[in-house]
């Protein structure tokens, strides 16, 4: 895609926005003209305590969050960073629900759609043993930029994986214009039909 994308990742207190879970860290990278051009990262103090499980999983402690900015500062800054970009996340349904919930609390809304790097990867790397970010990074030989389950590192690695997948679409299928419409259709194509569908798009 030639237009700007923002790859985003959240670390959270749990899985359920409806159950009161909140974002505790956000990382995002901007992709323009086939490369990562900018980044945004912040811890977020929502006042919701972090469990020992989440601390062990992410490395983010309550002590770290005690001095972090609140969502009323972080999300307006994130909104400015995202601007009018299409968003990408690995397992986008998770990050989308947290972004939408946190945006709503501070009076913002998401303007553009989310694309899911996991769904695209399932169609481009069907032989991969699973489609977790860590597995795909190794499978696609993407550089490891930091600790997994920290928001900025995960966003960076997802961004690099995304660029590798866009190159694969162009090289393997002869696609000159990998646009939003094509990617949305690819996401909705079954894994079994994806190769044949992509082959047809390249002609």
Protein backbone atom coordinates (compact mmCIF):
# COMPACT_ATOMS: atom_id res chain seq x y z
CA UNK A 1 0.00 0.00 0.00
CA UNK A 2 1.30 3.44 -0.87
CA UNK A 3 -0.67 5.37 1.74
CA UNK A 4 0.35 5.69 5.37
CA UNK A 5 -0.38 2.81 7.75
CA UNK A 6 -0.06 2.72 11.52
CA UNK A 7 0.71 -0.59 13.19
CA UNK A 8 -0.53 -0.60 16.77
CA UNK A 9 -0.17 -2.89 19.79
CA UNK A 10 -1.62 -2.75 23.30
CA UNK A 11 -0.60 -4.39 26.53
CA UNK A 12 -3.59 -4.63 28.86
CA UNK A 13 -4.72 -5.72 32.32
CA UNK A 14 -6.71 -8.59 30.76
CA UNK A 15 -8.81 -9.64 27.80
CA UNK A 16 -12.20 -8.04 28.43
CA UNK A 17 -13.03 -4.37 27.90
CA UNK A 18 -16.57 -5.14 29.08
CA UNK A 19 -15.15 -6.69 32.25
CA UNK A 20 -13.21 -3.56 33.14
CA UNK A 21 -9.82 -4.39 31.68
CA UNK A 22 -7.78 -1.43 30.49
CA UNK A 23 -4.78 -0.65 28.31
CA UNK A 24 -1.52 -0.24 30.24
CA UNK A 25 0.86 0.36 27.31
CA UNK A 26 0.53 1.33 23.68
CA UNK A 27 3.12 1.13 20.93
CA UNK A 28 2.65 2.21 17.33
CA UNK A 29 4.79 2.60 14.24
CA UNK A 30 4.08 4.50 11.04
CA UNK A 31 4.73 2.82 7.69
CA UNK A 32 5.16 4.93 4.59
CA UNK A 33 6.55 4.00 1.17
CA UNK A 34 7.64 0.55 2.28
CA UNK A 35 9.46 1.44 5.50
CA UNK A 36 8.90 2.32 9.13
CA UNK A 37 9.20 6.09 9.44
CA UNK A 38 8.09 7.00 12.98
CA UNK A 39 7.03 5.52 16.31
CA UNK A 40 4.94 6.25 19.40
CA UNK A 41 5.05 4.55 22.79
CA UNK A 42 3.66 5.20 26.25
CA UNK A 43 2.77 3.42 29.45
CA UNK A 44 -0.74 4.31 30.64
CA UNK A 45 -1.85 4.75 34.24
CA UNK A 46 -5.58 4.00 34.28
CA UNK A 47 -5.75 3.31 38.01
CA UNK A 48 -6.57 -0.36 37.38
CA UNK A 49 -4.03 -2.59 39.14
CA UNK A 50 -1.91 -5.09 37.23
CA UNK A 51 -2.07 -8.72 38.35
CA UNK A 52 1.04 -10.78 38.99
CA UNK A 53 0.21 -12.82 35.87
CA UNK A 54 0.17 -9.72 33.64
CA UNK A 55 3.33 -8.38 35.30
CA UNK A 56 5.14 -11.66 34.60
CA UNK A 57 3.74 -11.79 31.05
CA UNK A 58 4.60 -8.20 30.05
CA UNK A 59 7.22 -7.09 32.53
CA UNK A 60 5.03 -4.07 33.36
CA UNK A 61 4.55 -3.54 37.10
CA UNK A 62 2.24 -1.36 39.16
CA UNK A 63 5.31 0.59 40.25
CA UNK A 64 6.14 1.36 36.61
CA UNK A 65 2.61 2.54 35.97
CA UNK A 66 2.40 4.75 39.06
CA UNK A 67 4.35 7.54 37.37
CA UNK A 68 2.94 7.02 33.88
CA UNK A 69 0.60 9.52 32.18
CA UNK A 70 -3.12 8.92 32.30
CA UNK A 71 -5.34 8.05 29.34
CA UNK A 72 -6.50 11.67 29.06
CA UNK A 73 -2.93 12.53 27.98
CA UNK A 74 -1.93 9.37 26.11
CA UNK A 75 -4.92 8.89 23.82
CA UNK A 76 -5.10 12.42 22.43
CA UNK A 77 -1.40 12.07 21.58
CA UNK A 78 -2.02 8.67 20.00
CA UNK A 79 -4.96 10.10 18.04
CA UNK A 80 -2.69 12.78 16.60
CA UNK A 81 -0.07 10.16 15.73
CA UNK A 82 -2.59 7.91 13.98
CA UNK A 83 -4.25 10.83 12.15
CA UNK A 84 -6.04 9.45 9.07
CA UNK A 85 -4.00 6.26 8.70
CA UNK A 86 -5.41 2.79 8.14
CA UNK A 87 -4.53 0.66 11.17
CA UNK A 88 -2.85 -2.74 11.36
CA UNK A 89 -2.55 -5.05 14.36
CA UNK A 90 -1.67 -8.68 14.99
CA UNK A 91 -4.97 -10.23 16.05
CA UNK A 92 -6.67 -6.96 15.25
CA UNK A 93 -9.97 -7.78 16.96
CA UNK A 94 -8.19 -7.53 20.33
CA UNK A 95 -6.41 -4.23 19.73
CA UNK A 96 -9.43 -2.74 17.96
CA UNK A 97 -11.73 -3.26 20.93
CA UNK A 98 -9.24 -1.70 23.35
CA UNK A 99 -8.52 1.27 21.08
CA UNK A 100 -12.23 1.90 20.52
CA UNK A 101 -13.00 1.63 24.25
CA UNK A 102 -10.16 3.92 25.32
CA UNK A 103 -10.90 6.42 22.55
CA UNK A 104 -14.55 6.58 23.63
CA UNK A 105 -13.54 7.46 27.19
CA UNK A 106 -11.70 10.58 26.00
CA UNK A 107 -14.14 11.60 23.28
CA UNK A 108 -12.43 10.25 20.15
CA UNK A 109 -13.46 7.71 17.56
CA UNK A 110 -11.53 5.64 15.06
CA UNK A 111 -11.89 6.97 11.53
CA UNK A 112 -10.30 4.20 9.45
CA UNK A 113 -10.52 0.38 9.37
CA UNK A 114 -8.21 -2.15 10.97
CA UNK A 115 -6.35 -4.77 8.98
CA UNK A 116 -5.20 -7.95 10.70
CA UNK A 117 -1.64 -9.13 10.11
CA UNK A 118 -2.51 -12.51 11.66
CA UNK A 119 -5.31 -13.13 9.14
CA UNK A 120 -3.07 -12.11 6.25
CA UNK A 121 -0.25 -14.32 7.58
CA UNK A 122 -2.53 -17.37 7.80
CA UNK A 123 -3.17 -16.98 4.07
CA UNK A 124 0.42 -16.24 3.04
CA UNK A 125 2.21 -18.67 5.39
CA UNK A 126 -0.18 -21.64 5.65
CA UNK A 127 2.70 -24.03 6.40
CA UNK A 128 3.77 -22.12 9.52
CA UNK A 129 3.18 -24.20 12.67
CA UNK A 130 1.10 -21.41 14.24
CA UNK A 131 0.52 -17.75 13.58
CA UNK A 132 1.61 -16.16 16.82
CA UNK A 133 3.80 -13.12 16.29
CA UNK A 134 6.91 -14.76 17.72
CA UNK A 135 6.55 -17.81 15.48
CA UNK A 136 5.95 -15.72 12.36
CA UNK A 137 8.89 -13.41 13.06
CA UNK A 138 11.20 -16.43 13.02
CA UNK A 139 9.44 -18.08 10.07
CA UNK A 140 9.60 -14.95 7.91
CA UNK A 141 13.11 -14.08 9.18
CA UNK A 142 12.00 -10.73 10.52
CA UNK A 143 14.47 -8.98 12.87
CA UNK A 144 13.66 -9.22 16.59
CA UNK A 145 13.62 -5.60 17.77
CA UNK A 146 12.98 -6.05 21.50
CA UNK A 147 11.07 -8.07 24.08
CA UNK A 148 7.87 -9.76 22.97
CA UNK A 149 4.76 -8.60 24.88
CA UNK A 150 6.02 -5.04 25.12
CA UNK A 151 3.93 -2.78 22.96
CA UNK A 152 6.52 -0.90 20.91
CA UNK A 153 8.65 -3.97 20.15
CA UNK A 154 5.55 -5.94 19.13
CA UNK A 155 4.38 -3.06 16.92
CA UNK A 156 7.82 -2.81 15.30
CA UNK A 157 8.02 -6.54 14.62
CA UNK A 158 4.44 -6.61 13.33
CA UNK A 159 5.37 -3.71 11.05
CA UNK A 160 8.40 -5.56 9.71
CA UNK A 161 6.33 -8.72 9.24
CA UNK A 162 3.71 -6.64 7.39
CA UNK A 163 6.37 -5.25 5.03
CA UNK A 164 7.68 -8.78 4.39
CA UNK A 165 4.15 -9.94 3.56
CA UNK A 166 3.56 -7.02 1.19
CA UNK A 167 6.81 -7.91 -0.60
CA UNK A 168 5.66 -11.53 -0.80
CA UNK A 169 2.35 -10.47 -2.37
CA UNK A 170 4.16 -8.42 -5.00
CA UNK A 171 6.92 -10.93 -5.78
CA UNK A 172 4.96 -14.19 -5.63
CA UNK A 173 1.74 -13.00 -7.22
CA UNK A 174 2.83 -10.10 -9.43
CA UNK A 175 0.59 -7.64 -7.62
CA UNK A 176 1.64 -4.09 -8.39
CA UNK A 177 -1.06 -2.36 -6.35
CA UNK A 178 -1.67 -3.92 -2.94
CA UNK A 179 -4.44 -1.61 -1.75
CA UNK A 180 -6.93 -1.62 1.12
CA UNK A 181 -9.67 -3.25 -0.94
CA UNK A 182 -7.47 -6.16 -1.98
CA UNK A 183 -6.26 -6.77 1.56
CA UNK A 184 -9.79 -6.69 2.98
CA UNK A 185 -10.88 -9.22 0.34
CA UNK A 186 -7.85 -11.39 1.11
CA UNK A 187 -8.75 -11.39 4.81
CA UNK A 188 -12.24 -12.65 3.99
CA UNK A 189 -11.02 -15.33 1.55
CA UNK A 190 -10.64 -18.76 3.12
CA UNK A 191 -7.14 -20.03 3.79
CA UNK A 192 -7.74 -22.94 1.41
CA UNK A 193 -8.71 -20.63 -1.48
CA UNK A 194 -6.23 -17.80 -0.80
CA UNK A 195 -3.41 -18.95 -3.09
CA UNK A 196 -5.68 -19.47 -6.10
CA UNK A 197 -7.49 -16.20 -5.43
CA UNK A 198 -4.24 -14.26 -5.22
CA UNK A 199 -2.94 -15.94 -8.37
CA UNK A 200 -6.04 -14.76 -10.21
CA UNK A 201 -5.55 -11.18 -8.97
CA UNK A 202 -2.07 -11.04 -10.45
CA UNK A 203 -3.27 -11.53 -14.00
